[in-house]
Amino acid sequence: MIGLATTRASRPAPARPRNGSASTTEAIASRITDAVIEHRLLPGAKLGEEALAEVFGVSRTKVRQALIRLAQEKLVTLQPARGAFVAKPDAREARELFDARRIMERVLIERFAASATREHLSALRDHMREEQAAIRGQDTARRNRLLGEFHVRIARMAGNQVMADMLGELVRRSSLATLLFQTSRSAACSSDEYAALVDAVRKRDAILAVRLMDEHLAHVERDLKAGGRGGEPLDLRAALLPART
């Protein structure tokens, strides 16, 4: 905290982001969300307003607005007199998230199996190739993002934007649960399961597609394990502004 005697003129200029502008509330919220989805920010991690303002080169007011928005999306918890923290779901909440996803994704994949075009299937295959490349390259952050985006892309392709938006929130919150409770084996198997799912859609087999989606989500849920990690000290700059490649 800056001392009372420190004048505005004597304060060091806030650090400028290295990867593009983060001057808006939306951009700050998006950058934090990306770090959560990619597991660069751990559940329970402290999100200090002053530290974030320094990282993004903005006022604390903008940071606070972004944190309030993320709290509304259940990615951040705001604790009186303590500040903001990355949300840390317990095992019960994790299972409830997957219950909600299962109900929604059954409807979406059934509709998608009836309406998918060759362009849709080609785009999903390209997506899966990116997933496999990330897995082979041990790019955990990119792999995590692509695995979640696969589900949201299907929702958008199915033509229901309302459900796609709702599923997007569930997927973002699920990313916290999988970081805390999911074993690494399940993440490695997901991409293979997606290939079978896309093949069922290609054949217009809605019954099989629904079953495969159910099985995939059940596998992920079954691999949730008690315990987990989170809240370790971290370098916010490293987590939110990864080094340029």
Protein backbone atom coordinates (compact mmCIF):
# COMPACT_ATOMS: atom_id res chain seq x y z
CA MET A 1 0.00 0.00 0.00
CA ILE A 2 1.33 3.46 -0.88
CA GLY A 3 2.07 5.68 2.11
CA LEU A 4 -0.06 8.74 2.83
CA ALA A 5 2.92 11.01 2.28
CA THR A 6 3.44 9.77 -1.28
CA THR A 7 2.23 12.32 -3.80
CA ARG A 8 0.57 11.49 -7.11
CA ALA A 9 3.53 12.98 -8.97
CA SER A 10 6.05 10.78 -7.15
CA ARG A 11 4.22 7.50 -7.78
CA PRO A 12 5.72 5.29 -10.48
CA ALA A 13 3.71 5.05 -13.69
CA PRO A 14 1.58 1.92 -13.82
CA ALA A 15 3.01 -0.94 -15.84
CA ARG A 16 1.75 -1.19 -19.38
CA PRO A 17 0.49 -4.57 -20.55
CA ARG A 18 2.85 -6.34 -22.93
CA ASN A 19 0.15 -8.20 -24.88
CA GLY A 20 -2.17 -5.47 -26.14
CA SER A 21 -4.49 -3.04 -24.44
CA ALA A 22 -6.32 -3.93 -21.26
CA SER A 23 -7.76 -0.49 -20.65
CA THR A 24 -11.44 -1.42 -20.47
CA THR A 25 -13.40 -3.26 -17.82
CA GLU A 26 -14.37 -5.86 -20.42
CA ALA A 27 -10.75 -6.42 -21.44
CA ILE A 28 -9.64 -6.86 -17.82
CA ALA A 29 -12.46 -9.32 -17.12
CA SER A 30 -11.65 -11.19 -20.32
CA ARG A 31 -7.95 -11.47 -19.46
CA ILE A 32 -8.72 -12.82 -15.99
CA THR A 33 -11.27 -15.24 -17.45
CA ASP A 34 -8.70 -16.52 -19.94
CA ALA A 35 -6.22 -17.13 -17.13
CA VAL A 36 -8.85 -19.07 -15.18
CA ILE A 37 -9.88 -21.22 -18.14
CA GLU A 38 -6.26 -21.95 -19.03
CA HIS A 39 -5.49 -22.79 -15.37
CA ARG A 40 -2.90 -20.03 -15.04
CA LEU A 41 -4.91 -18.62 -12.13
CA LEU A 42 -5.65 -21.20 -9.46
CA PRO A 43 -8.87 -21.48 -7.45
CA GLY A 44 -8.59 -19.45 -4.28
CA ALA A 45 -5.88 -17.15 -5.67
CA LYS A 46 -5.93 -13.63 -4.28
CA LEU A 47 -6.84 -10.92 -6.80
CA GLY A 48 -5.64 -7.72 -5.16
CA GLU A 49 -7.01 -4.54 -6.72
CA GLU A 50 -3.75 -2.65 -6.41
CA ALA A 51 -1.72 -5.50 -7.87
CA LEU A 52 -4.13 -5.90 -10.79
CA ALA A 53 -4.15 -2.16 -11.44
CA GLU A 54 -0.35 -2.30 -11.67
CA VAL A 55 -0.42 -5.31 -14.02
CA PHE A 56 -2.97 -3.81 -16.40
CA GLY A 57 -1.91 -0.20 -16.12
CA VAL A 58 -5.39 1.04 -15.14
CA SER A 59 -7.18 2.56 -12.17
CA ARG A 60 -8.41 0.48 -9.27
CA THR A 61 -11.92 1.59 -10.18
CA LYS A 62 -11.76 -0.30 -13.48
CA VAL A 63 -10.28 -3.32 -11.76
CA ARG A 64 -13.06 -3.27 -9.17
CA GLN A 65 -15.70 -3.10 -11.90
CA ALA A 66 -14.15 -6.09 -13.65
CA LEU A 67 -14.04 -8.09 -10.41
CA ILE A 68 -17.72 -7.32 -9.70
CA ARG A 69 -18.61 -8.53 -13.17
CA LEU A 70 -16.64 -11.76 -12.68
CA ALA A 71 -18.29 -12.26 -9.29
CA GLN A 72 -21.68 -12.11 -11.03
CA GLU A 73 -20.43 -14.86 -13.36
CA LYS A 74 -19.31 -16.94 -10.34
CA LEU A 75 -15.65 -16.95 -11.38
CA VAL A 76 -14.64 -14.66 -8.52
CA THR A 77 -15.77 -14.43 -4.92
CA LEU A 78 -15.79 -11.08 -3.10
CA GLN A 79 -15.18 -11.34 0.63
CA PRO A 80 -15.82 -8.35 2.93
CA ALA A 81 -12.61 -6.89 4.39
CA ARG A 82 -10.56 -9.52 2.55
CA GLY A 83 -10.96 -8.73 -1.13
CA ALA A 84 -11.42 -10.79 -4.27
CA PHE A 85 -10.39 -14.38 -4.89
CA VAL A 86 -10.69 -16.80 -7.78
CA ALA A 87 -13.73 -18.95 -7.00
CA LYS A 88 -13.01 -22.31 -5.38
CA PRO A 89 -15.95 -24.70 -5.89
CA ASP A 90 -16.36 -27.64 -3.56
CA ALA A 91 -17.04 -31.19 -4.77
CA ARG A 92 -20.81 -30.74 -4.46
CA GLU A 93 -20.82 -27.62 -6.62
CA ALA A 94 -18.59 -29.37 -9.17
CA ARG A 95 -21.08 -32.19 -9.55
CA GLU A 96 -23.98 -29.76 -9.77
CA LEU A 97 -22.20 -28.00 -12.63
CA PHE A 98 -21.91 -31.24 -14.53
CA ASP A 99 -25.54 -32.10 -13.81
CA ALA A 100 -26.56 -28.82 -15.42
CA ARG A 101 -24.24 -29.34 -18.36
CA ARG A 102 -25.55 -32.85 -18.96
CA ILE A 103 -29.16 -31.66 -19.22
CA MET A 104 -28.28 -28.80 -21.55
CA GLU A 105 -25.81 -30.65 -23.76
CA ARG A 106 -28.19 -33.54 -24.42
CA VAL A 107 -30.55 -31.09 -26.12
CA LEU A 108 -27.79 -29.30 -27.98
CA ILE A 109 -26.07 -32.37 -29.40
CA GLU A 110 -29.38 -33.89 -30.48
CA ARG A 111 -30.23 -30.72 -32.41
CA PHE A 112 -26.74 -30.47 -33.81
CA ALA A 113 -26.85 -34.04 -35.11
CA ALA A 114 -29.93 -33.08 -37.13
CA SER A 115 -28.60 -29.78 -38.48
CA ALA A 116 -24.79 -30.06 -38.77
CA THR A 117 -23.33 -29.08 -42.12
CA ARG A 118 -20.13 -30.24 -43.76
CA GLU A 119 -18.63 -26.87 -42.88
CA HIS A 120 -19.52 -27.42 -39.22
CA LEU A 121 -17.91 -30.85 -39.18
CA SER A 122 -14.80 -29.56 -40.93
CA ALA A 123 -14.45 -26.77 -38.38
CA LEU A 124 -14.76 -29.25 -35.51
CA ARG A 125 -12.13 -31.52 -37.04
CA ASP A 126 -9.79 -28.54 -37.35
CA HIS A 127 -10.51 -27.78 -33.71
CA MET A 128 -9.67 -31.34 -32.69
CA ARG A 129 -6.39 -31.20 -34.63
CA GLU A 130 -5.47 -28.13 -32.62
CA GLU A 131 -6.34 -30.03 -29.42
CA GLN A 132 -4.13 -32.94 -30.41
CA ALA A 133 -1.26 -30.59 -31.26
CA ALA A 134 -1.60 -28.92 -27.86
CA ILE A 135 -1.64 -32.33 -26.14
CA ARG A 136 1.43 -33.53 -28.04
CA GLY A 137 3.21 -30.25 -27.35
CA GLN A 138 2.26 -30.42 -23.66
CA ASP A 139 0.71 -26.97 -23.98
CA THR A 140 -1.59 -27.36 -20.99
CA ALA A 141 -3.09 -23.87 -21.13
CA ARG A 142 -4.05 -24.17 -24.80
CA ARG A 143 -5.31 -27.72 -24.32
CA ASN A 144 -7.58 -26.71 -21.47
CA ARG A 145 -9.02 -23.82 -23.45
CA LEU A 146 -9.68 -25.93 -26.55
CA LEU A 147 -11.32 -28.77 -24.62
CA GLY A 148 -13.85 -26.36 -23.15
CA GLU A 149 -14.38 -24.43 -26.37
CA PHE A 150 -15.33 -27.63 -28.21
CA HIS A 151 -18.60 -27.83 -26.27
CA VAL A 152 -19.43 -24.15 -26.72
CA ARG A 153 -18.74 -24.32 -30.46
CA ILE A 154 -21.24 -27.14 -30.82
CA ALA A 155 -23.81 -25.09 -28.92
CA ARG A 156 -23.32 -22.14 -31.27
CA MET A 157 -23.45 -24.37 -34.35
CA ALA A 158 -26.68 -25.90 -33.07
CA GLY A 159 -28.21 -22.45 -33.48
CA ASN A 160 -29.27 -21.56 -29.94
CA GLN A 161 -27.29 -18.52 -28.81
CA VAL A 162 -29.05 -18.30 -25.45
CA MET A 163 -28.06 -21.85 -24.55
CA ALA A 164 -24.58 -21.26 -25.97
CA ASP A 165 -24.10 -18.29 -23.63
CA MET A 166 -25.39 -20.29 -20.66
CA LEU A 167 -23.17 -23.24 -21.52
CA GLY A 168 -20.19 -20.92 -21.88
CA GLU A 169 -20.64 -19.82 -18.27
CA LEU A 170 -20.97 -23.42 -17.11
CA VAL A 171 -17.83 -24.42 -19.00
CA ARG A 172 -15.86 -21.54 -17.47
CA ARG A 173 -16.98 -22.53 -13.99
CA SER A 174 -16.31 -26.19 -14.75
CA SER A 175 -12.71 -25.31 -15.57
CA LEU A 176 -12.21 -24.42 -11.91
CA ALA A 177 -13.77 -27.69 -10.80
CA THR A 178 -11.64 -29.79 -13.12
CA LEU A 179 -8.48 -28.04 -11.97
CA LEU A 180 -9.32 -28.85 -8.36
CA PHE A 181 -10.70 -32.34 -8.73
CA GLN A 182 -10.06 -33.89 -12.15
CA THR A 183 -7.28 -36.37 -12.76
CA SER A 184 -4.95 -35.82 -15.72
CA ARG A 185 -6.08 -39.07 -17.37
CA SER A 186 -9.56 -37.71 -18.03
CA ALA A 187 -8.23 -34.62 -19.79
CA ALA A 188 -6.09 -36.77 -22.08
CA CYS A 189 -9.06 -38.97 -23.02
CA SER A 190 -11.45 -36.14 -23.84
CA SER A 191 -10.10 -35.39 -27.31
CA ASP A 192 -10.48 -39.04 -28.38
CA GLU A 193 -14.07 -39.03 -27.15
CA TYR A 194 -14.75 -35.91 -29.19
CA ALA A 195 -13.69 -37.74 -32.36
CA ALA A 196 -16.29 -40.46 -31.79
CA LEU A 197 -18.91 -37.82 -31.05
CA VAL A 198 -18.23 -35.93 -34.27
CA ASP A 199 -18.42 -39.19 -36.23
CA ALA A 200 -21.86 -39.90 -34.75
CA VAL A 201 -23.00 -36.42 -35.78
CA ARG A 202 -21.65 -37.00 -39.29
CA LYS A 203 -23.82 -40.12 -39.51
CA ARG A 204 -26.88 -38.16 -38.27
CA ASP A 205 -27.14 -40.64 -35.40
CA ALA A 206 -28.68 -38.39 -32.73
CA ILE A 207 -29.28 -41.26 -30.31
CA LEU A 208 -25.63 -42.30 -30.43
CA ALA A 209 -24.45 -38.68 -30.21
CA VAL A 210 -26.53 -38.08 -27.07
CA ARG A 211 -25.21 -41.29 -25.52
CA LEU A 212 -21.60 -40.41 -26.31
CA MET A 213 -22.01 -36.91 -24.86
CA ASP A 214 -23.54 -38.40 -21.71
CA GLU A 215 -20.67 -40.87 -21.44
CA HIS A 216 -18.06 -38.18 -21.95
CA LEU A 217 -19.47 -35.95 -19.21
CA ALA A 218 -19.91 -38.99 -16.95
CA HIS A 219 -16.24 -39.90 -17.45
CA VAL A 220 -15.15 -36.40 -16.51
CA GLU A 221 -17.44 -36.38 -13.48
CA ARG A 222 -16.33 -39.82 -12.35
CA ASP A 223 -12.73 -38.70 -12.41
CA LEU A 224 -13.41 -35.86 -10.01
CA LYS A 225 -11.51 -36.68 -6.87
CA ALA A 226 -11.60 -35.40 -3.35
CA GLY A 227 -9.07 -32.83 -2.34
CA GLY A 228 -7.45 -30.52 -4.81
CA ARG A 229 -5.21 -27.52 -4.84
CA GLY A 230 -5.57 -23.81 -5.05
CA GLY A 231 -4.76 -20.55 -3.40
CA GLU A 232 -1.00 -20.89 -3.69
CA PRO A 233 1.00 -17.65 -3.94
CA LEU A 234 1.41 -16.56 -7.54
CA ASP A 235 2.91 -13.91 -9.74
CA LEU A 236 -0.11 -12.07 -11.18
CA ARG A 237 1.95 -10.57 -13.98
CA ALA A 238 3.14 -14.01 -15.10
CA ALA A 239 -0.39 -15.42 -14.87
CA LEU A 240 -2.17 -12.60 -16.67
CA LEU A 241 0.47 -11.34 -19.08
CA PRO A 242 2.33 -14.41 -20.36
CA ALA A 243 5.62 -13.79 -22.05
CA ARG A 244 5.56 -13.11 -25.76
CA THR A 245 6.57 -15.96 -28.04
